Amino acid sequence: MDAETGRGRHSVRTLKKIVGVRIPNEAASKLWDIAIADEKIASIQPHDSAFDASAPDVLDGANRLIAPSLCHAHIHLDKCFLLQDPKYSDLQIQSGDFNEAMEMTGEAKSRFDEEDLLRRGRLLIEESIQFGVTAMRAFVEVDGVVQLKCLHAGLRLKDDYRDRCEVQICAFAQLPLFSGQDGGAEVRTLMTVAAAEEGVEVLGSTPYVDDDDSKSKENVRWITRLALARKKHLDLHLDYFLEQDKQPLVWDVLDIVKELEWPKSGQLKIALGHCTRRVASVATKYWRPTCFLCRLAHVGPFHDAYSRRPTWNTTGPGANQTARSECGPFNKQYW
């Protein structure tokens, strides 16, 4: 178990006991001692104040609360801390809308280099660990601007921190797969290359950035096929809008993954990110929670949570500087 901190890999000592801690669902005035065997909790006993906590295999909890570690389900490793970084100090928010954020991010991405990506990525992972995160799904963008440099930096960070934090890399198509001057051909080519990387465990895309509903659906169909072919998990960022006259894409996603027989993929999972349209759906004809869950039952294995975000990513352009990420568990039987 982890006892020493540092950058990247670090030395590890084995703990046999954690003493003097508070635990969830117990009175704050009560302290407990936790015995560990084979890296698992062997027993939890009332705190023995006479116990010698100075031994090298004992950690003094000093009255702190002990709780399960955290998992960050949705973090953009390559775009973190852009507003705080001097390299991007000229990129200042004016209107605060989505289009501006995309334009600023595009400009920032044109300046990305290995040193910059590793420096900001390390800062993000170190901060996450300090706040109790031991696992994260980290999105790294793949497109004609950054090529594969974000992916390569992400894979290096994944390896550097493998003893301290499980960094699950998602090769991510933030830009259109079927729109633009070349119809998304370059992004599709690069994503195909990225999908072949052994260290990439997840593929993802943002269907809503394509030009129309037809292309958005083709985006979903193409990235799903690629994930199935390469045996990768899938993470789709959906319905990042609030317009009530626009139908959410989530229903089409369910039809497409069923059509492509995702359930036969075995243990591969699908996660849906953002789904912002849900907050405006309660009073509209598109709000069908019972139907949604029934259809999920026939689609197959989805991730056991959906990831919802504030109006914009909290570490990227357009971020609310006082906000932190929020992920909402959606623990349903078929999700």
Protein backbone atom coordinates (compact mmCIF):
# COMPACT_ATOMS: atom_id res chain seq x y z
CA MET A 1 0.00 0.00 0.00
CA ASP A 2 1.14 3.51 -0.80
CA ALA A 3 3.10 5.35 1.86
CA GLU A 4 5.44 7.74 0.07
CA THR A 5 4.61 10.33 -2.56
CA GLY A 6 6.62 11.72 -5.40
CA ARG A 7 6.45 12.22 -9.15
CA GLY A 8 5.65 9.15 -11.19
CA ARG A 9 6.99 5.90 -9.81
CA HIS A 10 7.88 5.82 -6.15
CA SER A 11 8.92 3.44 -3.44
CA VAL A 12 6.21 1.46 -1.67
CA ARG A 13 6.12 0.00 1.82
CA THR A 14 3.68 -2.66 2.94
CA LEU A 15 1.26 -1.63 5.66
CA LYS A 16 -0.09 -4.07 8.18
CA LYS A 17 -2.20 -1.64 10.14
CA ILE A 18 -3.86 1.77 9.94
CA VAL A 19 -4.70 3.12 13.37
CA GLY A 20 -6.74 5.94 14.84
CA VAL A 21 -9.14 6.62 11.98
CA ARG A 22 -12.80 7.49 11.68
CA ILE A 23 -14.93 5.40 9.32
CA PRO A 24 -18.15 6.18 7.42
CA ASN A 25 -21.51 5.57 9.13
CA GLU A 26 -19.97 5.60 12.59
CA ALA A 27 -19.92 8.38 15.18
CA ALA A 28 -17.19 10.93 14.52
CA SER A 29 -16.07 10.59 18.13
CA LYS A 30 -15.17 6.92 17.63
CA LEU A 31 -11.75 5.88 16.33
CA TRP A 32 -10.85 2.55 14.77
CA ASP A 33 -7.83 0.40 13.92
CA ILE A 34 -7.75 -1.45 10.61
CA ALA A 35 -5.63 -4.57 10.20
CA ILE A 36 -4.43 -5.46 6.69
CA ALA A 37 -3.40 -8.85 5.31
CA ASP A 38 -2.55 -9.61 1.67
CA GLU A 39 -3.46 -6.00 0.78
CA LYS A 40 -7.02 -6.51 2.01
CA ILE A 41 -8.82 -5.42 5.17
CA ALA A 42 -8.54 -8.26 7.67
CA SER A 43 -10.35 -6.65 10.60
CA ILE A 44 -11.69 -3.37 11.99
CA GLN A 45 -11.45 -2.96 15.74
CA PRO A 46 -12.01 -0.08 18.20
CA HIS A 47 -8.86 2.02 18.47
CA ASP A 48 -6.25 0.92 20.99
CA SER A 49 -4.67 4.18 22.21
CA ALA A 50 -1.79 2.22 23.78
CA PHE A 51 -0.72 0.72 20.44
CA ASP A 52 2.70 1.81 19.15
CA ALA A 53 2.04 3.55 15.83
CA SER A 54 5.71 4.27 15.11
CA ALA A 55 6.43 0.93 13.44
CA PRO A 56 7.29 1.17 9.70
CA ASP A 57 4.36 -1.08 8.76
CA VAL A 58 1.83 1.04 10.67
CA LEU A 59 0.18 4.24 9.47
CA ASP A 60 -1.15 6.66 12.09
CA GLY A 61 -4.45 7.97 10.76
CA ALA A 62 -4.41 10.91 13.18
CA ASN A 63 -8.20 11.00 13.61
CA ARG A 64 -8.81 11.35 9.88
CA LEU A 65 -11.73 9.82 7.99
CA ILE A 66 -10.83 6.76 5.93
CA ALA A 67 -13.01 6.05 2.91
CA PRO A 68 -12.82 4.25 -0.45
CA SER A 69 -10.65 5.96 -3.03
CA LEU A 70 -12.24 7.97 -5.83
CA CYS A 71 -12.55 7.31 -9.54
CA HIS A 72 -12.60 10.24 -11.95
CA ALA A 73 -14.86 9.01 -14.73
CA HIS A 74 -14.38 11.91 -17.15
CA ILE A 75 -11.24 14.02 -17.38
CA HIS A 76 -9.52 15.56 -20.41
CA LEU A 77 -5.85 14.96 -19.67
CA ASP A 78 -4.53 17.04 -22.55
CA LYS A 79 -6.69 20.15 -22.03
CA CYS A 80 -6.32 20.59 -18.28
CA PHE A 81 -5.25 23.89 -16.68
CA LEU A 82 -5.14 25.86 -19.93
CA LEU A 83 -6.56 29.01 -18.32
CA GLN A 84 -4.04 28.90 -15.48
CA ASP A 85 -0.98 28.18 -17.63
CA PRO A 86 1.20 31.16 -18.63
CA LYS A 87 1.72 29.61 -22.06
CA TYR A 88 -1.96 30.26 -22.83
CA SER A 89 -2.43 33.52 -20.90
CA ASP A 90 -3.59 35.36 -24.02
CA LEU A 91 -6.60 33.04 -24.39
CA GLN A 92 -9.17 34.82 -22.26
CA ILE A 93 -12.89 34.09 -22.14
CA GLN A 94 -15.17 36.79 -23.56
CA SER A 95 -18.60 35.39 -24.40
CA GLY A 96 -18.28 32.14 -22.47
CA ASP A 97 -20.28 30.10 -25.00
CA PHE A 98 -19.55 26.71 -26.54
CA ASN A 99 -18.32 28.03 -29.89
CA GLU A 100 -15.80 30.31 -28.19
CA ALA A 101 -14.59 27.47 -26.02
CA MET A 102 -14.07 25.28 -29.10
CA GLU A 103 -12.19 28.08 -30.90
CA MET A 104 -9.96 28.77 -27.90
CA THR A 105 -9.29 25.10 -27.42
CA GLY A 106 -8.38 24.76 -31.10
CA GLU A 107 -5.90 27.61 -30.79
CA ALA A 108 -4.43 26.13 -27.61
CA LYS A 109 -4.09 22.70 -29.23
CA SER A 110 -2.04 24.18 -32.05
CA ARG A 111 0.58 25.08 -29.41
CA PHE A 112 0.70 21.71 -27.65
CA ASP A 113 4.08 20.02 -27.39
CA GLU A 114 5.40 17.06 -25.41
CA GLU A 115 6.83 19.07 -22.52
CA ASP A 116 3.64 21.06 -22.16
CA LEU A 117 1.37 18.01 -22.27
CA LEU A 118 3.45 16.06 -19.76
CA ARG A 119 3.80 19.02 -17.38
CA ARG A 120 0.10 19.81 -17.24
CA GLY A 121 -0.84 16.13 -17.22
CA ARG A 122 1.42 15.43 -14.25
CA LEU A 123 -0.07 18.38 -12.40
CA LEU A 124 -3.57 17.02 -12.97
CA ILE A 125 -2.73 13.48 -11.87
CA GLU A 126 -0.78 14.66 -8.81
CA GLU A 127 -3.66 16.92 -7.74
CA SER A 128 -6.14 14.10 -8.30
CA ILE A 129 -4.11 11.71 -6.16
CA GLN A 130 -3.94 14.30 -3.38
CA PHE A 131 -7.73 14.41 -3.36
CA GLY A 132 -8.05 10.63 -3.14
CA VAL A 133 -8.35 9.62 -6.79
CA THR A 134 -6.71 6.29 -7.62
CA ALA A 135 -8.35 5.66 -11.00
CA MET A 136 -9.38 7.89 -13.87
CA ARG A 137 -10.65 7.67 -17.42
CA ALA A 138 -8.43 10.14 -19.25
CA PHE A 139 -9.47 11.45 -22.66
CA VAL A 140 -6.70 12.39 -25.10
CA GLU A 141 -7.65 13.96 -28.40
CA VAL A 142 -6.68 12.61 -31.80
CA ASP A 143 -7.08 14.88 -34.83
CA GLY A 144 -5.28 16.70 -37.61
CA VAL A 145 -4.09 19.49 -35.29
CA VAL A 146 -2.44 17.43 -32.55
CA GLN A 147 -2.01 14.23 -34.58
CA LEU A 148 -1.00 11.56 -32.01
CA LYS A 149 1.06 13.74 -29.65
CA CYS A 150 -1.66 13.89 -26.96
CA LEU A 151 -2.08 10.13 -27.16
CA HIS A 152 1.65 9.48 -26.80
CA ALA A 153 1.87 11.85 -23.81
CA GLY A 154 -1.12 10.15 -22.21
CA LEU A 155 0.39 6.70 -22.66
CA ARG A 156 3.64 7.88 -21.07
CA LEU A 157 1.79 9.34 -18.08
CA LYS A 158 -0.21 6.14 -17.76
CA ASP A 159 3.04 4.21 -17.45
CA ASP A 160 4.73 6.76 -15.16
CA TYR A 161 1.87 6.65 -12.65
CA ARG A 162 0.96 2.98 -12.89
CA ASP A 163 1.95 2.36 -9.24
CA ARG A 164 -0.12 5.26 -7.90
CA CYS A 165 -3.13 5.82 -10.14
CA GLU A 166 -4.79 3.70 -12.81
CA VAL A 167 -4.97 6.00 -15.82
CA GLN A 168 -7.31 4.45 -18.38
CA ILE A 169 -6.60 6.10 -21.74
CA CYS A 170 -9.47 6.93 -24.08
CA ALA A 171 -8.40 7.89 -27.60
CA PHE A 172 -10.94 10.60 -28.32
CA ALA A 173 -12.31 12.18 -31.50
CA GLN A 174 -13.47 15.60 -30.32
CA LEU A 175 -13.68 16.86 -33.91
CA PRO A 176 -16.17 15.57 -36.50
CA LEU A 177 -15.77 12.12 -38.01
CA PHE A 178 -17.99 12.85 -41.03
CA SER A 179 -17.95 16.65 -41.52
CA GLY A 180 -15.43 19.32 -42.42
CA GLN A 181 -13.38 19.92 -45.54
CA ASP A 182 -12.25 16.30 -45.84
CA GLY A 183 -15.43 14.79 -44.42
CA GLY A 184 -13.57 13.71 -41.28
CA ALA A 185 -11.25 11.36 -43.20
CA GLU A 186 -8.05 12.43 -41.41
CA VAL A 187 -9.57 12.03 -37.96
CA ARG A 188 -10.90 8.58 -38.87
CA THR A 189 -7.46 7.53 -40.13
CA LEU A 190 -5.75 8.74 -36.97
CA MET A 191 -8.36 7.14 -34.73
CA THR A 192 -7.83 3.83 -36.52
CA VAL A 193 -4.10 4.09 -35.77
CA ALA A 194 -4.79 5.05 -32.14
CA ALA A 195 -7.17 2.13 -31.70
CA ALA A 196 -4.33 -0.27 -32.49
CA GLU A 197 -2.29 0.96 -29.49
CA GLU A 198 -2.20 -1.65 -26.75
CA GLY A 199 -2.28 0.96 -23.98
CA VAL A 200 -5.54 2.43 -25.30
CA GLU A 201 -8.46 0.79 -23.51
CA VAL A 202 -11.32 3.04 -24.63
CA LEU A 203 -12.40 4.79 -27.83
CA GLY A 204 -14.64 7.84 -27.81
CA SER A 205 -16.22 10.52 -29.94
CA THR A 206 -18.57 13.51 -29.83
CA PRO A 207 -21.32 12.83 -32.35
CA TYR A 208 -23.01 16.19 -31.75
CA VAL A 209 -20.15 18.09 -33.45
CA ASP A 210 -20.98 16.59 -36.84
CA ASP A 211 -23.06 18.74 -39.18
CA ASP A 212 -26.43 17.03 -38.96
CA ASP A 213 -28.31 14.14 -37.38
CA SER A 214 -27.48 11.75 -40.20
CA LYS A 215 -23.74 12.35 -39.82
CA SER A 216 -24.00 12.20 -36.03
CA LYS A 217 -25.55 8.75 -36.30
CA GLU A 218 -22.85 7.68 -38.74
CA ASN A 219 -20.30 8.94 -36.21
CA VAL A 220 -21.80 6.63 -33.58
CA ARG A 221 -21.96 3.70 -35.97
CA TRP A 222 -18.34 4.10 -37.14
CA ILE A 223 -16.74 4.50 -33.69
CA THR A 224 -18.82 1.60 -32.33
CA ARG A 225 -17.66 -0.67 -35.13
CA LEU A 226 -14.04 0.35 -34.51
CA ALA A 227 -14.38 -0.33 -30.78
CA LEU A 228 -15.84 -3.76 -31.46
CA ALA A 229 -13.15 -4.59 -34.01
CA ARG A 230 -10.35 -3.58 -31.61
CA LYS A 231 -12.10 -4.91 -28.49
CA LYS A 232 -12.13 -1.54 -26.72
CA HIS A 233 -14.65 0.02 -24.36
CA LEU A 234 -16.71 2.89 -25.81
CA ASP A 235 -17.35 6.35 -24.39
CA LEU A 236 -19.73 8.64 -26.26
CA HIS A 237 -20.20 12.29 -25.33
CA LEU A 238 -23.81 12.96 -26.23
CA ASP A 239 -26.49 15.62 -26.40
CA TYR A 240 -24.43 18.60 -25.25
CA PHE A 241 -27.27 21.06 -25.83
CA LEU A 242 -30.48 22.30 -24.18
CA GLU A 243 -32.70 23.11 -27.17
CA GLN A 244 -36.04 21.46 -26.45
CA ASP A 245 -37.02 21.17 -30.12
CA LYS A 246 -34.00 18.96 -30.85
CA GLN A 247 -34.29 15.24 -30.22
CA PRO A 248 -31.60 13.63 -28.04
CA LEU A 249 -29.34 11.22 -29.86
CA VAL A 250 -29.30 8.74 -26.99
CA TRP A 251 -32.26 6.81 -28.42
CA ASP A 252 -30.48 6.34 -31.74
CA VAL A 253 -27.35 5.23 -29.91
CA LEU A 254 -29.31 2.45 -28.24
CA ASP A 255 -30.70 1.33 -31.60
CA ILE A 256 -27.25 1.41 -33.24
CA VAL A 257 -25.42 -0.58 -30.55
CA LYS A 258 -28.20 -3.13 -30.60
CA GLU A 259 -28.04 -3.30 -34.41
CA LEU A 260 -24.25 -3.90 -34.20
CA GLU A 261 -24.80 -6.63 -31.58
CA TRP A 262 -22.74 -5.00 -28.86
CA PRO A 263 -23.97 -7.50 -26.21
CA LYS A 264 -22.01 -10.22 -28.00
CA SER A 265 -18.78 -8.28 -27.29
CA GLY A 266 -18.47 -9.92 -23.88
CA GLN A 267 -17.17 -7.68 -21.11
CA LEU A 268 -16.82 -4.48 -23.16
CA LYS A 269 -18.71 -1.54 -21.67
CA ILE A 270 -20.30 1.64 -22.98
CA ALA A 271 -20.39 4.93 -21.07
CA LEU A 272 -22.42 8.00 -22.06
CA GLY A 273 -20.95 11.38 -21.09
CA HIS A 274 -22.59 14.78 -20.67
CA CYS A 275 -26.15 13.93 -21.80
CA THR A 276 -26.91 17.57 -20.99
CA ARG A 277 -30.22 17.42 -22.85
CA ARG A 278 -31.65 15.26 -20.03
CA VAL A 279 -32.03 18.28 -17.74
CA ALA A 280 -34.43 19.88 -20.24
CA SER A 281 -36.31 16.69 -21.01
CA VAL A 282 -38.68 16.34 -18.07
CA ALA A 283 -41.52 18.32 -19.61
CA THR A 284 -41.01 17.23 -23.21
CA LYS A 285 -42.06 14.31 -25.36
CA TYR A 286 -38.47 13.04 -25.34
CA TRP A 287 -38.49 12.24 -21.62
CA ARG A 288 -39.16 8.49 -21.48
CA PRO A 289 -37.29 7.02 -18.50
CA THR A 290 -39.29 3.79 -18.30
CA CYS A 291 -38.89 3.14 -22.02
CA PHE A 292 -35.21 4.05 -21.73
CA LEU A 293 -34.52 1.42 -19.08
CA CYS A 294 -36.60 -1.19 -20.86
CA ARG A 295 -34.66 -0.65 -24.06
CA LEU A 296 -31.38 -0.85 -22.14
CA ALA A 297 -32.45 -4.25 -20.88
CA HIS A 298 -32.44 -5.49 -24.47
CA VAL A 299 -29.28 -3.71 -25.59
CA GLY A 300 -26.81 -5.30 -23.20
CA PRO A 301 -23.92 -4.29 -20.95
CA PHE A 302 -23.57 -0.57 -20.37
CA HIS A 303 -21.28 1.03 -17.82
CA ASP A 304 -22.93 1.21 -14.37
CA ALA A 305 -22.87 5.02 -14.36
CA TYR A 306 -23.28 7.92 -16.67
CA SER A 307 -20.95 10.87 -16.37
CA ARG A 308 -22.51 14.30 -16.20
CA ARG A 309 -20.50 17.48 -16.34
CA PRO A 310 -20.99 21.16 -15.51
CA THR A 311 -21.69 23.55 -18.38
CA TRP A 312 -18.10 23.17 -19.55
CA ASN A 313 -15.16 21.07 -18.46
CA THR A 314 -13.84 22.37 -15.16
CA THR A 315 -10.17 22.29 -16.17
CA GLY A 316 -10.54 23.50 -19.76
CA PRO A 317 -11.46 26.75 -21.52
CA GLY A 318 -14.82 28.05 -20.36
CA ALA A 319 -14.36 26.44 -16.94
CA ASN A 320 -16.04 27.78 -13.85
CA GLN A 321 -12.98 28.42 -11.72
CA THR A 322 -14.85 27.67 -8.50
CA ALA A 323 -16.29 24.39 -9.73
CA ARG A 324 -14.95 20.87 -9.66
CA SER A 325 -16.04 17.96 -11.77
CA GLU A 326 -19.26 16.20 -10.86
CA CYS A 327 -20.07 12.65 -11.77
CA GLY A 328 -23.49 11.27 -11.00
CA PRO A 329 -23.91 7.57 -10.38
CA PHE A 330 -26.89 6.12 -12.18
CA ASN A 331 -27.01 2.70 -10.58
CA LYS A 332 -29.64 0.87 -12.60
CA GLN A 333 -29.68 -2.83 -13.25
CA TYR A 334 -29.06 -2.57 -16.96
CA TRP A 335 -26.88 0.52 -17.10
